[in-house]
Amino acid sequence: MKKEIVIACLLGSALVLLSGAPSFSQQITGTDVSYSVEDSNVVVRCSLNGPVDKSYKVQLVLERRAMSSFKMVPGTVTGDIGTGMFEGQNRQIIWHLYDDAPYGLDGNDYYFNVTTTLLGAKRGGSPWGWIIGGAVVAGAAAYFVPSVITKSGGGSHLPAPPGRP
């Protein structure tokens, strides 16, 4: 009984330490996203609020209200998309619609989701969490695994060979 409590405490503390692992990106959603069709292009306008003079990765996804599983990443796009410094108001992404969908799209319930990732932002945790958590897990494994291996498994062993004739 005591060993089970110790195992639970060690694994719980390891999970807490590992959950604070460092992350090197931060998601920011574009605000005031709107679009208009101009000639054969779709112009998506949005505002990207975040730290100035930072590098971002901007992604565009076309979604549909009537079909929640519909997600299309436009391939032929120009403007404030990709990796660069795109923070600010009235940003534009131009999608060359007929290059990706030569026959157009049926329906009128489409909308765009603009997601930006702030590159190089470090948040949460520290590498010490990984080091200490790994040591705790390794210590628990070294202490408890040999006793589990040597215990009788209750029917998991092969039967003794038959006697010689």
Protein backbone atom coordinates (compact mmCIF):
# COMPACT_ATOMS: atom_id res chain seq x y z
CA MET A 1 0.00 0.00 0.00
CA LYS A 2 2.80 2.40 0.90
CA LYS A 3 4.57 1.80 -2.41
CA GLU A 4 1.43 2.69 -4.37
CA ILE A 5 1.16 6.02 -2.55
CA VAL A 6 4.83 6.78 -3.21
CA ILE A 7 4.39 5.89 -6.91
CA ALA A 8 1.34 8.12 -7.21
CA CYS A 9 3.17 11.03 -5.53
CA LEU A 10 6.27 10.64 -7.70
CA LEU A 11 4.33 10.35 -10.95
CA GLY A 12 2.06 13.23 -9.98
CA SER A 13 4.99 15.52 -9.21
CA ALA A 14 6.70 14.49 -12.44
CA LEU A 15 3.57 15.38 -14.43
CA VAL A 16 3.30 18.76 -12.71
CA LEU A 17 6.93 19.54 -13.48
CA LEU A 18 6.66 18.38 -17.08
CA SER A 19 3.48 20.34 -17.72
CA GLY A 20 5.42 23.57 -17.26
CA ALA A 21 7.66 22.78 -20.23
CA PRO A 22 8.76 25.76 -22.28
CA SER A 23 6.85 26.72 -25.40
CA PHE A 24 8.43 28.87 -28.07
CA SER A 25 5.36 30.18 -29.86
CA GLN A 26 2.20 32.03 -28.94
CA GLN A 27 -1.07 31.95 -30.89
CA ILE A 28 -2.81 35.24 -31.69
CA THR A 29 -6.07 35.32 -33.62
CA GLY A 30 -6.70 37.98 -36.24
CA THR A 31 -9.47 40.42 -35.35
CA ASP A 32 -11.99 42.22 -37.56
CA VAL A 33 -11.61 39.63 -40.33
CA SER A 34 -13.59 40.50 -43.44
CA TYR A 35 -13.29 39.72 -47.12
CA SER A 36 -14.45 40.95 -50.49
CA VAL A 37 -14.28 39.54 -54.01
CA GLU A 38 -12.42 41.79 -56.43
CA ASP A 39 -12.11 40.50 -60.01
CA SER A 40 -10.88 36.92 -59.64
CA ASN A 41 -9.26 37.54 -56.26
CA VAL A 42 -10.55 37.34 -52.71
CA VAL A 43 -9.11 40.10 -50.52
CA VAL A 44 -9.08 39.23 -46.82
CA ARG A 45 -8.64 42.17 -44.46
CA CYS A 46 -7.84 41.86 -40.77
CA SER A 47 -6.04 43.43 -37.85
CA LEU A 48 -3.21 41.58 -36.15
CA ASN A 49 -2.73 42.81 -32.61
CA GLY A 50 0.52 41.92 -30.90
CA PRO A 51 3.96 43.21 -30.04
CA VAL A 52 5.45 45.56 -32.66
CA ASP A 53 8.75 44.64 -34.37
CA LYS A 54 8.27 40.92 -33.77
CA SER A 55 8.20 38.19 -36.36
CA TYR A 56 4.95 36.30 -36.98
CA LYS A 57 3.75 33.32 -38.96
CA VAL A 58 0.34 34.15 -40.46
CA GLN A 59 -1.95 31.38 -41.72
CA LEU A 60 -5.28 31.59 -43.55
CA VAL A 61 -7.99 28.91 -43.49
CA LEU A 62 -11.28 29.00 -45.38
CA GLU A 63 -14.11 27.45 -43.38
CA ARG A 64 -17.81 26.91 -43.92
CA ARG A 65 -20.66 27.45 -41.46
CA ALA A 66 -22.90 24.68 -42.86
CA MET A 67 -20.08 22.09 -42.84
CA SER A 68 -17.90 22.32 -39.74
CA SER A 69 -15.52 19.71 -41.16
CA PHE A 70 -14.76 21.85 -44.24
CA LYS A 71 -11.35 23.49 -43.95
CA MET A 72 -9.34 24.66 -46.94
CA VAL A 73 -5.93 26.28 -46.79
CA PRO A 74 -5.64 28.59 -49.80
CA GLY A 75 -2.44 27.85 -51.69
CA THR A 76 -1.94 30.83 -53.99
CA VAL A 77 -1.90 33.80 -51.64
CA THR A 78 0.07 37.02 -51.46
CA GLY A 79 0.24 39.94 -49.06
CA ASP A 80 0.58 39.85 -45.29
CA ILE A 81 0.87 36.08 -44.96
CA GLY A 82 3.66 33.64 -44.21
CA THR A 83 6.55 34.63 -41.97
CA GLY A 84 7.35 38.28 -41.36
CA MET A 85 6.48 41.41 -39.39
CA PHE A 86 2.73 41.71 -39.92
CA GLU A 87 1.44 43.34 -36.71
CA GLY A 88 -0.97 46.21 -37.23
CA GLN A 89 -4.32 47.35 -38.54
CA ASN A 90 -5.81 46.82 -42.02
CA ARG A 91 -3.60 43.95 -43.12
CA GLN A 92 -4.43 42.35 -46.48
CA ILE A 93 -4.13 38.82 -47.77
CA ILE A 94 -4.96 38.31 -51.44
CA TRP A 95 -6.14 34.86 -52.46
CA HIS A 96 -6.05 34.06 -56.17
CA LEU A 97 -9.23 32.00 -55.98
CA TYR A 98 -9.34 30.46 -59.45
CA ASP A 99 -5.77 29.15 -59.19
CA ASP A 100 -6.89 26.90 -56.31
CA ALA A 101 -10.56 26.39 -57.26
CA PRO A 102 -10.86 26.77 -61.07
CA TYR A 103 -14.65 26.35 -61.01
CA GLY A 104 -15.23 28.55 -57.97
CA LEU A 105 -16.99 27.54 -54.78
CA ASP A 106 -20.69 26.79 -54.29
CA GLY A 107 -22.56 28.40 -51.43
CA ASN A 108 -22.38 31.66 -49.54
CA ASP A 109 -21.64 30.54 -45.98
CA TYR A 110 -17.84 30.74 -46.12
CA TYR A 111 -15.63 32.64 -43.71
CA PHE A 112 -11.90 33.01 -43.10
CA ASN A 113 -9.95 32.17 -39.98
CA VAL A 114 -6.67 34.09 -39.69
CA THR A 115 -4.21 32.70 -37.15
CA THR A 116 -0.89 34.26 -36.30
CA THR A 117 1.89 32.72 -34.29
CA LEU A 118 4.32 35.04 -32.54
CA LEU A 119 7.70 33.47 -33.25
CA GLY A 120 10.41 33.31 -30.61
CA ALA A 121 8.14 34.10 -27.65
CA LYS A 122 9.07 32.06 -24.62
CA ARG A 123 6.39 31.40 -22.06
CA GLY A 124 5.87 29.15 -19.09
CA GLY A 125 8.06 26.65 -17.35
CA SER A 126 11.77 26.15 -17.45
CA PRO A 127 14.14 23.47 -18.69
CA TRP A 128 14.71 22.50 -15.04
CA GLY A 129 11.19 21.08 -15.03
CA TRP A 130 12.23 18.58 -17.69
CA ILE A 131 15.46 17.70 -15.87
CA ILE A 132 13.91 17.24 -12.42
CA GLY A 133 10.81 15.51 -13.81
CA GLY A 134 12.97 13.09 -15.80
CA ALA A 135 15.07 12.33 -12.74
CA VAL A 136 11.95 11.65 -10.65
CA VAL A 137 10.49 9.31 -13.27
CA ALA A 138 13.83 7.50 -13.75
CA GLY A 139 14.25 7.13 -9.98
CA ALA A 140 10.74 5.75 -9.56
CA ALA A 141 11.31 3.31 -12.42
CA ALA A 142 14.66 2.15 -10.99
CA TYR A 143 13.13 1.63 -7.55
CA PHE A 144 9.87 -0.07 -8.48
CA VAL A 145 10.47 -1.90 -11.77
CA PRO A 146 12.86 -4.58 -10.41
CA SER A 147 10.36 -5.55 -7.68
CA VAL A 148 7.56 -5.78 -10.25
CA ILE A 149 9.66 -7.99 -12.54
CA THR A 150 10.63 -10.44 -9.79
CA LYS A 151 7.06 -10.85 -8.44
CA SER A 152 5.04 -13.85 -9.48
CA GLY A 153 2.70 -12.92 -12.28
CA GLY A 154 -0.03 -15.42 -11.35
CA GLY A 155 -0.10 -17.66 -14.40
CA SER A 156 2.13 -15.65 -16.68
CA HIS A 157 5.04 -18.11 -16.35
CA LEU A 158 5.53 -21.07 -18.64
CA PRO A 159 4.83 -24.47 -17.05
CA ALA A 160 7.75 -26.66 -16.04
CA PRO A 161 8.89 -29.07 -18.73
CA PRO A 162 7.68 -32.68 -18.38
CA GLY A 163 9.94 -35.18 -16.67
CA ARG A 164 12.23 -37.44 -18.63
CA PRO A 165 10.78 -40.79 -19.67
